[in-house]
Amino acid sequence: MTQLTHFDTSGQAHMVDVGDKAETRRIAVARGSISMLPATLALIQEGNSKKGDVLGIARVAAIQGSKRCADLIPLCHPIALTKVGVEFEIESSQPVIHCTVTAETVGRTGVEMEALTATSVALLTIYDMCKAVDRGMVIRDVQLLEKQGGKSGHWQAASRT
């Protein structure tokens, strides 16, 4: 694809017409990270945050975020999600938390934006819950890792290491 799809022939923004597309199972996987002070990560791991289970709440926030994607991104189609999975990986030596979201649907358009939005919302929730002790946390590398389904088929991000 060599042109942007969210503009019509006169250059006006529009929602892409997906009416003629076939309904297929579609999956997208996104990932992002938040780095923090070692003491902040320890609070999260010990469950000693005054606000409760940080990762549990971030997981629910991610799922909610995926369902609200069309309300946040102006030209996204509302999608009936069939599954949203949220996983956290803690790297104590860095200290960093990685969040990976898998979004799935059976439909006419992909779920990349839902996976990316969910990842971002999860990381923002961690920031919000821990900012009282660590305002210097950094959210980075939110990216699409993989998408499956639809006319364009299977795509995977190239390794950046």
C-alpha atoms as a PDB file:
ATOM      1  CA  MET A   1       0.000   0.000   0.000  1.00  0.00           C
ATOM      2  CA  THR A   2       1.474   3.341  -1.040  1.00  0.00           C
ATOM      3  CA  GLN A   3      -1.207   5.828  -0.042  1.00  0.00           C
ATOM      4  CA  LEU A   4      -3.022   6.843   3.105  1.00  0.00           C
ATOM      5  CA  THR A   5      -6.472   5.292   3.355  1.00  0.00           C
ATOM      6  CA  HIS A   6      -8.156   7.828   5.638  1.00  0.00           C
ATOM      7  CA  PHE A   7      -8.354  10.533   2.952  1.00  0.00           C
ATOM      8  CA  ASP A   8     -10.685  10.681  -0.027  1.00  0.00           C
ATOM      9  CA  THR A   9      -9.637  11.723  -3.547  1.00  0.00           C
ATOM     10  CA  SER A  10     -10.001  15.412  -2.654  1.00  0.00           C
ATOM     11  CA  GLY A  11      -7.815  15.058   0.463  1.00  0.00           C
ATOM     12  CA  GLN A  12     -10.643  15.159   3.015  1.00  0.00           C
ATOM     13  CA  ALA A  13     -10.498  12.881   6.051  1.00  0.00           C
ATOM     14  CA  HIS A  14     -13.036  10.047   6.046  1.00  0.00           C
ATOM     15  CA  MET A  15     -13.731   6.727   7.701  1.00  0.00           C
ATOM     16  CA  VAL A  16     -12.584   3.908   5.433  1.00  0.00           C
ATOM     17  CA  ASP A  17     -15.446   1.941   3.856  1.00  0.00           C
ATOM     18  CA  VAL A  18     -15.073  -1.674   4.990  1.00  0.00           C
ATOM     19  CA  GLY A  19     -18.540  -2.777   3.836  1.00  0.00           C
ATOM     20  CA  ASP A  20     -17.237  -4.936   0.990  1.00  0.00           C
ATOM     21  CA  LYS A  21     -14.490  -6.613   3.008  1.00  0.00           C
ATOM     22  CA  ALA A  22     -14.871 -10.216   4.072  1.00  0.00           C
ATOM     23  CA  GLU A  23     -15.351 -11.002   7.747  1.00  0.00           C
ATOM     24  CA  THR A  24     -12.296 -12.870   8.978  1.00  0.00           C
ATOM     25  CA  ARG A  25     -10.712 -13.647  12.315  1.00  0.00           C
ATOM     26  CA  ARG A  26      -8.346 -10.803  13.099  1.00  0.00           C
ATOM     27  CA  ILE A  27      -5.670 -10.660  15.764  1.00  0.00           C
ATOM     28  CA  ALA A  28      -3.245  -7.922  16.754  1.00  0.00           C
ATOM     29  CA  VAL A  29      -0.459  -7.973  19.330  1.00  0.00           C
ATOM     30  CA  ALA A  30       1.059  -4.765  20.723  1.00  0.00           C
ATOM     31  CA  ARG A  31       3.698  -4.163  23.355  1.00  0.00           C
ATOM     32  CA  GLY A  32       5.099  -1.281  25.345  1.00  0.00           C
ATOM     33  CA  SER A  33       7.189  -0.663  28.434  1.00  0.00           C
ATOM     34  CA  ILE A  34       7.409   1.603  31.455  1.00  0.00           C
ATOM     35  CA  SER A  35      10.689   2.105  33.295  1.00  0.00           C
ATOM     36  CA  MET A  36      10.857   3.327  36.864  1.00  0.00           C
ATOM     37  CA  LEU A  37      12.961   3.530  39.996  1.00  0.00           C
ATOM     38  CA  PRO A  38      13.792   0.197  41.641  1.00  0.00           C
ATOM     39  CA  ALA A  39      11.828   1.240  44.750  1.00  0.00           C
ATOM     40  CA  THR A  40       8.732   1.909  42.640  1.00  0.00           C
ATOM     41  CA  LEU A  41       8.928  -1.524  41.050  1.00  0.00           C
ATOM     42  CA  ALA A  42       9.359  -3.058  44.495  1.00  0.00           C
ATOM     43  CA  LEU A  43       6.163  -1.337  45.691  1.00  0.00           C
ATOM     44  CA  ILE A  44       4.275  -2.743  42.703  1.00  0.00           C
ATOM     45  CA  GLN A  45       5.644  -6.258  43.223  1.00  0.00           C
ATOM     46  CA  GLU A  46       4.910  -6.226  46.966  1.00  0.00           C
ATOM     47  CA  GLY A  47       1.396  -4.909  46.429  1.00  0.00           C
ATOM     48  CA  ASN A  48       2.096  -2.085  48.893  1.00  0.00           C
ATOM     49  CA  SER A  49       0.738   0.737  46.753  1.00  0.00           C
ATOM     50  CA  LYS A  50      -1.834   2.815  48.615  1.00  0.00           C
ATOM     51  CA  LYS A  51      -4.059   2.505  45.555  1.00  0.00           C
ATOM     52  CA  GLY A  52      -4.084  -1.315  45.528  1.00  0.00           C
ATOM     53  CA  ASP A  53      -3.057  -3.969  43.004  1.00  0.00           C
ATOM     54  CA  VAL A  54      -1.373  -1.820  40.359  1.00  0.00           C
ATOM     55  CA  LEU A  55      -1.050  -4.491  37.665  1.00  0.00           C
ATOM     56  CA  GLY A  56      -4.540  -5.870  38.285  1.00  0.00           C
ATOM     57  CA  ILE A  57      -6.044  -2.432  37.836  1.00  0.00           C
ATOM     58  CA  ALA A  58      -3.834  -1.746  34.797  1.00  0.00           C
ATOM     59  CA  ARG A  59      -5.088  -5.010  33.235  1.00  0.00           C
ATOM     60  CA  VAL A  60      -8.725  -3.939  33.632  1.00  0.00           C
ATOM     61  CA  ALA A  61      -7.870  -0.452  32.323  1.00  0.00           C
ATOM     62  CA  ALA A  62      -6.272  -1.986  29.222  1.00  0.00           C
ATOM     63  CA  ILE A  63      -9.388  -4.001  28.478  1.00  0.00           C
ATOM     64  CA  GLN A  64     -11.574  -0.931  28.978  1.00  0.00           C
ATOM     65  CA  GLY A  65      -9.246   1.099  26.753  1.00  0.00           C
ATOM     66  CA  SER A  66      -9.475  -1.439  23.945  1.00  0.00           C
ATOM     67  CA  LYS A  67     -13.268  -1.200  24.046  1.00  0.00           C
ATOM     68  CA  ARG A  68     -13.172   2.618  23.909  1.00  0.00           C
ATOM     69  CA  CYS A  69     -10.706   2.927  21.030  1.00  0.00           C
ATOM     70  CA  ALA A  70     -13.287   4.242  18.533  1.00  0.00           C
ATOM     71  CA  ASP A  71     -14.218   6.979  21.034  1.00  0.00           C
ATOM     72  CA  LEU A  72     -10.591   8.132  21.236  1.00  0.00           C
ATOM     73  CA  ILE A  73      -9.254   7.728  17.688  1.00  0.00           C
ATOM     74  CA  PRO A  74     -11.543   9.748  15.393  1.00  0.00           C
ATOM     75  CA  LEU A  75     -11.573   7.523  12.292  1.00  0.00           C
ATOM     76  CA  CYS A  76     -11.532   4.088  13.963  1.00  0.00           C
ATOM     77  CA  HIS A  77     -14.481   1.787  13.440  1.00  0.00           C
ATOM     78  CA  PRO A  78     -16.273   0.543  16.543  1.00  0.00           C
ATOM     79  CA  ILE A  79     -15.344  -3.129  16.783  1.00  0.00           C
ATOM     80  CA  ALA A  80     -16.983  -6.037  18.566  1.00  0.00           C
ATOM     81  CA  LEU A  81     -13.963  -7.538  20.295  1.00  0.00           C
ATOM     82  CA  THR A  82     -14.072 -11.275  20.943  1.00  0.00           C
ATOM     83  CA  LYS A  83     -11.031 -11.372  23.238  1.00  0.00           C
ATOM     84  CA  VAL A  84      -8.497  -9.062  24.863  1.00  0.00           C
ATOM     85  CA  GLY A  85      -5.547 -10.579  26.698  1.00  0.00           C
ATOM     86  CA  VAL A  86      -3.147  -8.498  28.796  1.00  0.00           C
ATOM     87  CA  GLU A  87       0.176  -9.793  30.072  1.00  0.00           C
ATOM     88  CA  PHE A  88       2.822  -8.078  32.181  1.00  0.00           C
ATOM     89  CA  GLU A  89       6.482  -9.039  32.315  1.00  0.00           C
ATOM     90  CA  ILE A  90       8.650  -7.581  35.052  1.00  0.00           C
ATOM     91  CA  GLU A  91      12.376  -7.068  34.533  1.00  0.00           C
ATOM     92  CA  SER A  92      13.695  -6.271  37.991  1.00  0.00           C
ATOM     93  CA  SER A  93      17.245  -5.706  36.741  1.00  0.00           C
ATOM     94  CA  GLN A  94      16.206  -2.774  34.508  1.00  0.00           C
ATOM     95  CA  PRO A  95      13.698  -1.944  36.382  1.00  0.00           C
ATOM     96  CA  VAL A  96      10.895  -2.054  33.808  1.00  0.00           C
ATOM     97  CA  ILE A  97       7.451  -3.532  33.237  1.00  0.00           C
ATOM     98  CA  HIS A  98       6.548  -4.696  29.745  1.00  0.00           C
ATOM     99  CA  CYS A  99       2.893  -4.908  28.755  1.00  0.00           C
ATOM    100  CA  THR A 100       1.729  -7.097  25.868  1.00  0.00           C
ATOM    101  CA  VAL A 101      -1.861  -6.953  24.647  1.00  0.00           C
ATOM    102  CA  THR A 102      -3.538  -9.348  22.223  1.00  0.00           C
ATOM    103  CA  ALA A 103      -6.841  -8.169  20.754  1.00  0.00           C
ATOM    104  CA  GLU A 104      -9.112 -10.386  18.666  1.00  0.00           C
ATOM    105  CA  THR A 105     -12.301 -10.045  16.637  1.00  0.00           C
ATOM    106  CA  VAL A 106     -14.158 -11.588  13.746  1.00  0.00           C
ATOM    107  CA  GLY A 107     -14.909  -8.701  11.453  1.00  0.00           C
ATOM    108  CA  ARG A 108     -14.156  -6.533   8.437  1.00  0.00           C
ATOM    109  CA  THR A 109     -11.343  -4.439   9.867  1.00  0.00           C
ATOM    110  CA  GLY A 110      -8.314  -5.092  12.006  1.00  0.00           C
ATOM    111  CA  VAL A 111      -7.737  -4.645  15.723  1.00  0.00           C
ATOM    112  CA  GLU A 112      -4.308  -3.020  15.635  1.00  0.00           C
ATOM    113  CA  MET A 113      -5.564   0.255  17.098  1.00  0.00           C
ATOM    114  CA  GLU A 114      -7.397  -1.568  19.883  1.00  0.00           C
ATOM    115  CA  ALA A 115      -4.234  -3.458  20.880  1.00  0.00           C
ATOM    116  CA  LEU A 116      -2.105  -0.300  20.755  1.00  0.00           C
ATOM    117  CA  THR A 117      -4.662   1.740  22.703  1.00  0.00           C
ATOM    118  CA  ALA A 118      -4.990  -0.968  25.351  1.00  0.00           C
ATOM    119  CA  THR A 119      -1.214  -1.153  25.766  1.00  0.00           C
ATOM    120  CA  SER A 120      -0.963   2.609  26.136  1.00  0.00           C
ATOM    121  CA  VAL A 121      -3.817   2.770  28.645  1.00  0.00           C
ATOM    122  CA  ALA A 122      -2.279  -0.005  30.765  1.00  0.00           C
ATOM    123  CA  LEU A 123       1.051   1.812  30.926  1.00  0.00           C
ATOM    124  CA  LEU A 124      -0.619   5.152  31.636  1.00  0.00           C
ATOM    125  CA  THR A 125      -2.554   3.513  34.466  1.00  0.00           C
ATOM    126  CA  ILE A 126       0.668   2.222  36.021  1.00  0.00           C
ATOM    127  CA  TYR A 127       2.060   5.750  35.753  1.00  0.00           C
ATOM    128  CA  ASP A 128      -1.050   7.266  37.325  1.00  0.00           C
ATOM    129  CA  MET A 129      -1.074   4.846  40.220  1.00  0.00           C
ATOM    130  CA  CYS A 130       2.627   5.295  40.993  1.00  0.00           C
ATOM    131  CA  LYS A 131       3.293   8.944  40.140  1.00  0.00           C
ATOM    132  CA  ALA A 132       3.142   9.980  43.804  1.00  0.00           C
ATOM    133  CA  VAL A 133       6.410   8.127  44.413  1.00  0.00           C
ATOM    134  CA  ASP A 134       8.047   8.339  40.959  1.00  0.00           C
ATOM    135  CA  ARG A 135       7.184  11.118  38.515  1.00  0.00           C
ATOM    136  CA  GLY A 136      10.196  10.221  36.363  1.00  0.00           C
ATOM    137  CA  MET A 137       8.759   6.977  34.982  1.00  0.00           C
ATOM    138  CA  VAL A 138       9.150   6.692  31.208  1.00  0.00           C
ATOM    139  CA  ILE A 139       6.700   5.007  28.837  1.00  0.00           C
ATOM    140  CA  ARG A 140       8.389   3.847  25.658  1.00  0.00           C
ATOM    141  CA  ASP A 141       8.371   1.587  22.647  1.00  0.00           C
ATOM    142  CA  VAL A 142       4.606   1.159  22.253  1.00  0.00           C
ATOM    143  CA  GLN A 143       4.424  -0.726  18.970  1.00  0.00           C
ATOM    144  CA  LEU A 144       2.529  -3.260  16.942  1.00  0.00           C
ATOM    145  CA  LEU A 145       4.314  -6.615  17.021  1.00  0.00           C
ATOM    146  CA  GLU A 146       1.997  -8.683  14.866  1.00  0.00           C
ATOM    147  CA  LYS A 147      -1.316  -8.694  13.034  1.00  0.00           C
ATOM    148  CA  GLN A 148      -3.222 -11.540  11.425  1.00  0.00           C
ATOM    149  CA  GLY A 149      -6.290 -11.746   9.230  1.00  0.00           C
ATOM    150  CA  GLY A 150      -7.869  -9.724   6.502  1.00  0.00           C
ATOM    151  CA  LYS A 151      -6.754  -9.193   2.944  1.00  0.00           C
ATOM    152  CA  SER A 152      -3.197  -8.260   3.891  1.00  0.00           C
ATOM    153  CA  GLY A 153      -2.723 -11.497   5.848  1.00  0.00           C
ATOM    154  CA  HIS A 154      -0.036 -12.035   8.458  1.00  0.00           C
ATOM    155  CA  TRP A 155       2.457  -9.297   9.369  1.00  0.00           C
ATOM    156  CA  GLN A 156       5.198  -9.273  11.999  1.00  0.00           C
ATOM    157  CA  ALA A 157       7.441  -6.427  13.085  1.00  0.00           C
ATOM    158  CA  ALA A 158      11.065  -6.783  12.157  1.00  0.00           C
ATOM    159  CA  SER A 159      13.398  -7.404  15.081  1.00  0.00           C
ATOM    160  CA  ARG A 160      15.009  -4.162  16.242  1.00  0.00           C
ATOM    161  CA  THR A 161      17.797  -5.675  18.281  1.00  0.00           C
END
